Protein backbone atom coordinates (compact mmCIF):
# COMPACT_ATOMS: atom_id res chain seq x y z
CA MET A 1 2.11 5.66 -7.85
CA ILE A 2 -1.46 5.61 -9.05
CA SER A 3 -3.07 9.00 -8.62
CA VAL A 4 -6.09 11.27 -8.84
CA GLY A 5 -8.34 10.72 -11.84
CA GLN A 6 -7.37 7.08 -12.31
CA LYS A 7 -9.62 4.10 -11.74
CA PHE A 8 -8.86 2.20 -8.55
CA PRO A 9 -7.30 -1.16 -9.56
CA GLU A 10 -9.32 -4.35 -9.70
CA PHE A 11 -8.82 -6.67 -6.75
CA SER A 12 -10.28 -9.58 -4.80
CA LYS A 13 -8.98 -9.92 -1.24
CA LEU A 14 -9.97 -11.54 2.03
CA ALA A 15 -10.79 -9.18 4.88
CA VAL A 16 -11.49 -9.51 8.57
CA VAL A 17 -15.05 -8.26 9.09
CA SER A 18 -16.00 -9.76 12.46
CA LEU A 19 -14.67 -11.42 15.58
CA GLU A 20 -17.61 -13.84 15.65
CA LYS A 21 -16.43 -17.42 15.18
CA GLY A 22 -17.22 -18.66 11.67
CA LYS A 23 -17.99 -15.14 10.39
CA GLU A 24 -14.53 -13.58 10.66
CA PHE A 25 -13.65 -13.37 6.96
CA GLU A 26 -15.27 -12.06 3.81
CA THR A 27 -14.02 -11.55 0.28
CA ILE A 28 -14.06 -7.95 -0.87
CA THR A 29 -13.61 -7.10 -4.53
CA SER A 30 -13.19 -3.92 -6.53
CA ASP A 31 -16.88 -4.32 -7.49
CA TYR A 32 -17.55 -3.20 -3.91
CA LEU A 33 -16.21 0.26 -4.84
CA THR A 34 -18.50 1.01 -7.77
CA ASN A 35 -22.18 1.33 -7.09
CA GLU A 36 -25.38 3.03 -8.02
CA ASP A 37 -26.11 4.18 -4.47
CA ASP A 38 -23.73 7.17 -4.66
CA VAL A 39 -21.50 5.66 -1.96
CA TRP A 40 -17.92 6.89 -1.71
CA THR A 41 -15.03 4.81 -0.32
CA THR A 42 -12.05 5.73 1.81
CA ILE A 43 -9.37 3.05 1.90
CA PHE A 44 -6.36 3.58 4.11
CA TRP A 45 -3.19 1.50 4.37
CA TRP A 46 -0.80 0.94 7.24
CA PRO A 47 2.64 -0.74 7.14
CA LYS A 48 2.30 -3.63 9.59
CA ASP A 49 0.04 -5.08 12.24
CA PHE A 50 1.27 -5.30 15.83
CA THR A 51 3.14 -2.00 15.57
CA PHE A 52 2.90 1.33 17.38
CA VAL A 53 1.61 4.15 15.14
CA CYS A 54 -0.78 1.97 13.13
CA PRO A 55 -3.32 1.19 15.88
CA THR A 56 -3.59 4.89 16.74
CA GLU A 57 -4.68 5.59 13.18
CA ILE A 58 -7.00 2.61 12.91
CA ALA A 59 -8.65 3.50 16.23
CA GLU A 60 -9.09 7.12 15.12
CA PHE A 61 -10.75 6.06 11.86
CA ASN A 62 -13.03 3.81 13.91
CA LYS A 63 -13.90 6.67 16.30
CA ASN A 64 -14.91 8.68 13.24
CA PHE A 65 -16.80 5.84 11.54
CA GLY A 66 -20.10 7.69 12.05
CA GLU A 67 -18.65 10.79 10.38
CA PHE A 68 -17.79 8.75 7.29
CA SER A 69 -21.21 7.02 7.33
CA ASP A 70 -22.90 10.44 7.56
CA ARG A 71 -21.05 11.34 4.37
CA ASN A 72 -22.26 8.18 2.61
CA THR A 73 -18.70 6.83 2.66
CA ARG A 74 -17.54 3.32 3.50
CA LEU A 75 -14.20 2.71 5.19
CA ILE A 76 -11.73 -0.05 4.42
CA GLY A 77 -8.43 -0.51 6.24
CA ALA A 78 -5.63 -2.50 4.59
CA SER A 79 -2.09 -3.78 4.97
CA THR A 80 0.06 -6.51 3.47
CA ASP A 81 -0.41 -8.72 6.53
CA SER A 82 -2.62 -11.80 6.31
CA GLU A 83 -6.22 -12.04 7.41
CA PHE A 84 -5.07 -14.30 10.26
CA VAL A 85 -2.62 -11.69 11.53
CA HIS A 86 -5.38 -9.04 11.27
CA LEU A 87 -7.71 -11.28 13.28
CA ALA A 88 -5.09 -11.99 15.96
CA TRP A 89 -4.32 -8.27 16.24
CA ARG A 90 -8.00 -7.37 16.59
CA ASN A 91 -8.43 -10.04 19.25
CA ASN A 92 -5.37 -8.84 21.18
CA HIS A 93 -5.69 -5.05 20.99
CA ASP A 94 -8.38 -3.28 23.02
CA ASP A 95 -8.75 -0.43 20.49
CA LEU A 96 -9.25 -2.82 17.55
CA ARG A 97 -11.81 -5.30 18.85
CA GLY A 98 -14.82 -3.14 17.99
CA LEU A 99 -13.84 -2.10 14.47
CA LYS A 100 -16.79 -1.20 12.28
CA PHE A 101 -14.96 -1.57 8.97
CA PRO A 102 -13.11 -4.43 7.23
CA MET A 103 -9.36 -5.01 7.50
CA LEU A 104 -8.26 -6.02 4.01
CA ALA A 105 -5.41 -8.55 3.71
CA ASP A 106 -3.12 -7.98 0.72
CA THR A 107 -0.77 -10.88 1.46
CA SER A 108 0.39 -11.13 -2.16
CA LYS A 109 1.12 -7.39 -2.06
CA SER A 110 -0.40 -7.19 -5.54
CA LEU A 111 -2.87 -4.40 -4.76
CA ALA A 112 -0.27 -2.33 -2.89
CA GLU A 113 2.07 -2.87 -5.83
CA ASP A 114 -0.62 -1.82 -8.35
CA LEU A 115 -1.18 1.31 -6.25
CA GLY A 116 2.57 1.99 -6.14
CA ILE A 117 2.65 2.34 -2.35
CA LEU A 118 5.20 -0.34 -1.37
CA THR A 119 8.44 0.70 0.28
CA ASN A 120 11.62 0.23 -1.73
CA ASP A 121 13.42 -1.83 0.92
CA ASP A 122 13.62 -5.54 1.67
CA GLN A 123 10.38 -5.52 3.69
CA LYS A 124 8.15 -4.19 0.90
CA VAL A 125 5.42 -2.94 3.27
CA ALA A 126 2.81 -0.34 2.36
CA TYR A 127 3.30 3.32 3.14
CA ARG A 128 0.57 5.08 5.14
CA ALA A 129 -1.53 5.79 2.05
CA THR A 130 -5.11 7.07 1.98
CA PHE A 131 -7.37 7.02 -1.08
CA ILE A 132 -10.77 8.66 -1.46
CA ILE A 133 -12.68 6.96 -4.26
CA ASP A 134 -15.90 8.25 -5.81
CA PRO A 135 -18.94 6.04 -6.53
CA GLN A 136 -17.65 5.36 -10.07
CA GLY A 137 -14.41 3.88 -8.68
CA ILE A 138 -12.27 6.90 -9.62
CA ILE A 139 -9.58 8.07 -7.21
CA ARG A 140 -10.34 11.65 -6.19
CA TRP A 141 -7.66 12.15 -3.49
CA VAL A 142 -4.43 10.45 -2.43
CA SER A 143 -2.27 11.16 0.57
CA VAL A 144 0.87 9.24 1.51
CA ASN A 145 2.84 9.54 4.75
CA ASP A 146 6.21 8.04 5.52
CA LEU A 147 6.22 5.09 7.89
CA SER A 148 6.91 7.05 11.08
CA VAL A 149 4.17 9.70 10.78
CA GLY A 150 0.49 9.01 11.39
CA ARG A 151 -2.13 10.66 9.24
CA ASN A 152 -4.82 13.17 10.23
CA VAL A 153 -8.32 11.65 10.02
CA LYS A 154 -9.95 15.09 10.38
CA GLU A 155 -8.10 16.19 7.23
CA VAL A 156 -9.39 13.13 5.36
CA LEU A 157 -12.93 14.12 6.37
CA ARG A 158 -12.33 17.77 5.38
CA VAL A 159 -11.14 16.76 1.91
CA LEU A 160 -14.03 14.31 1.54
CA ASP A 161 -16.46 17.13 2.39
CA GLY A 162 -14.84 19.34 -0.24
CA LEU A 163 -14.93 16.66 -2.91
CA GLN A 164 -18.57 15.91 -2.22
CA THR A 165 -19.58 19.56 -2.75
CA ASP A 166 -18.41 19.24 -6.38
CA GLU A 167 -17.59 22.96 -6.09
CA LEU A 168 -14.43 25.05 -5.77
CA CYS A 169 -13.20 25.01 -2.17
CA PRO A 170 -10.57 27.55 -1.09
CA CYS A 171 -7.54 26.86 1.09
CA ASN A 172 -8.47 25.69 4.60
CA TRP A 173 -12.13 25.38 3.57
CA GLU A 174 -14.33 23.46 6.00
CA LYS A 175 -17.83 22.08 5.67
CA GLY A 176 -20.43 24.80 6.10
CA GLN A 177 -18.18 27.57 4.74
CA GLU A 178 -18.75 29.35 1.47
CA THR A 179 -17.34 27.78 -1.68
CA LEU A 180 -15.92 29.89 -4.50
CA THR A 181 -18.05 31.13 -7.37
CA VAL A 182 -16.65 31.89 -10.78
């Protein structure tokens, strides 16, 4: 699995960005991750659309969209389902209609494979992986959950806060607390 300190892999994928007819899809590339505006990226993966744990996570990320924006961080959700399945799911699930971030479609599974987050069974779906990427496109944090356990969005925000201080943060540190001095 790709890890902290490595460059996020290059990619070009279709994503669902809107429910408006004719404006549903957009191509997102790895160029989107590197920028001169000091914008961070959090990309999180779920195993499959139209499942049970996944929409709880996606909805929670969406509820916290403003928290990520306040931290100058863009959100991207992703799975190995197609853009058409993403669109159908958004249209059919109350908690997903108003998403404020793109749903990336990795139908070839090439990006998930490059990241090393595919299951080792016949389905080859992505684990519940979360990556925090700095403005230079370098992975600064990775967390992977097994398929049955949803992640903690508040913990993703806490780690993002710590990384953005560029200081030493002790165990259980939270934004606003003292960092360590050497």
